[in-house]
Protein backbone atom coordinates (compact mmCIF):
# COMPACT_ATOMS: atom_id res chain seq x y z
CA MET A 1 36.59 -30.48 53.75
CA LEU A 2 35.52 -33.95 52.18
CA GLU A 3 39.27 -34.54 52.15
CA GLN A 4 39.50 -34.08 55.80
CA LEU A 5 36.48 -36.14 56.46
CA LYS A 6 38.10 -39.03 54.40
CA ALA A 7 41.24 -38.76 56.38
CA LEU A 8 39.13 -39.51 59.58
CA ASN A 9 39.01 -43.28 58.60
CA LEU A 10 35.39 -43.77 59.52
CA ASP A 11 35.46 -47.57 58.48
CA ILE A 12 35.91 -48.12 62.09
CA LEU A 13 32.70 -46.61 62.92
CA ASN A 14 29.90 -49.24 62.24
CA ILE A 15 26.57 -50.02 63.88
CA THR A 16 28.19 -51.82 66.89
CA SER A 17 30.43 -48.94 67.75
CA ILE A 18 27.24 -46.64 67.62
CA LEU A 19 25.15 -48.95 69.78
CA ASP A 20 28.18 -49.34 72.19
CA ILE A 21 28.55 -45.51 72.53
CA ILE A 22 24.72 -44.95 73.05
CA LEU A 23 24.65 -47.59 75.67
CA VAL A 24 27.61 -46.19 77.71
CA THR A 25 26.23 -42.76 77.27
CA PHE A 26 22.92 -44.13 78.76
CA VAL A 27 24.56 -45.85 81.57
CA PHE A 28 26.63 -42.81 82.41
CA TYR A 29 23.38 -40.60 82.29
CA ARG A 30 21.57 -42.77 84.52
CA PHE A 31 24.22 -43.27 87.11
CA MET A 32 24.60 -39.38 87.07
CA ARG A 33 20.89 -38.83 87.68
CA ILE A 34 20.88 -41.39 90.56
CA ILE A 35 23.53 -39.67 92.56
CA GLN A 36 22.67 -36.20 91.69
CA GLY A 37 21.93 -34.43 94.92
CA THR A 38 23.64 -36.95 97.27
CA ARG A 39 26.90 -37.25 99.15
CA ALA A 40 28.18 -39.61 96.38
CA VAL A 41 28.64 -36.59 94.18
CA GLN A 42 31.16 -35.09 96.58
CA LEU A 43 33.05 -38.34 96.87
CA ILE A 44 33.23 -38.86 93.05
CA LYS A 45 34.48 -35.25 92.95
CA GLY A 46 37.21 -36.09 95.39
CA LEU A 47 38.09 -39.25 93.75
CA VAL A 48 38.40 -37.41 90.29
CA VAL A 49 40.89 -34.95 91.86
CA LEU A 50 42.97 -37.81 93.28
CA LEU A 51 43.20 -39.47 89.89
CA VAL A 52 44.33 -36.17 88.52
CA ALA A 53 46.78 -35.61 90.76
CA ASN A 54 48.13 -39.09 90.59
CA THR A 55 48.36 -38.68 86.80
CA VAL A 56 50.05 -35.39 86.78
CA SER A 57 52.57 -36.43 89.56
CA SER A 58 53.33 -39.53 87.55
CA TRP A 59 53.74 -37.28 84.16
CA LEU A 60 56.13 -34.76 86.25
CA HIS A 61 58.15 -37.66 87.63
CA LEU A 62 57.07 -36.36 91.44
CA TYR A 63 57.85 -40.07 93.04
CA THR A 64 57.00 -39.12 96.65
CA ILE A 65 53.88 -37.27 95.77
CA ASN A 66 53.07 -40.25 93.55
CA TRP A 67 53.71 -42.98 96.12
CA LEU A 68 51.74 -41.18 98.71
CA LEU A 69 48.94 -40.97 96.27
CA GLN A 70 48.91 -44.43 95.66
CA GLN A 71 48.64 -45.04 99.29
CA VAL A 72 45.79 -42.83 99.61
CA MET A 73 44.09 -44.83 96.76
CA THR A 74 44.83 -47.93 98.29
CA ALA A 75 43.35 -47.01 101.59
CA LEU A 76 40.33 -45.93 99.76
CA VAL A 77 39.62 -49.19 98.49
CA VAL A 78 38.84 -50.36 101.97
CA ALA A 79 37.27 -47.09 103.20
CA LEU A 80 34.64 -46.79 100.30
CA PRO A 81 32.35 -49.78 101.18
CA SER A 82 32.29 -48.42 104.60
CA CYS A 83 30.94 -45.18 103.42
CA PHE A 84 28.08 -46.86 101.69
CA SER A 85 27.16 -49.28 104.13
CA LEU A 86 23.53 -49.60 105.16
CA SER A 87 23.79 -48.87 108.86
């Protein structure tokens, strides 16, 4: 067991790395608390599905599907700000 822990090479884990992980975790937690119960949750779920589908289609070399998903993602860059407009 001790040998396995030594093999993990924990030299890269220093105080800066730990603070970085804590900060990212806190920001992510606050973001999730802010959007909880809003329409943004559904929107983010849809974006995650698109990203996963895009990645899978790229891995499987499904060029047409991948191209279509890229076009949808490009359109979302334009459409998302209008979803969150104040009017």
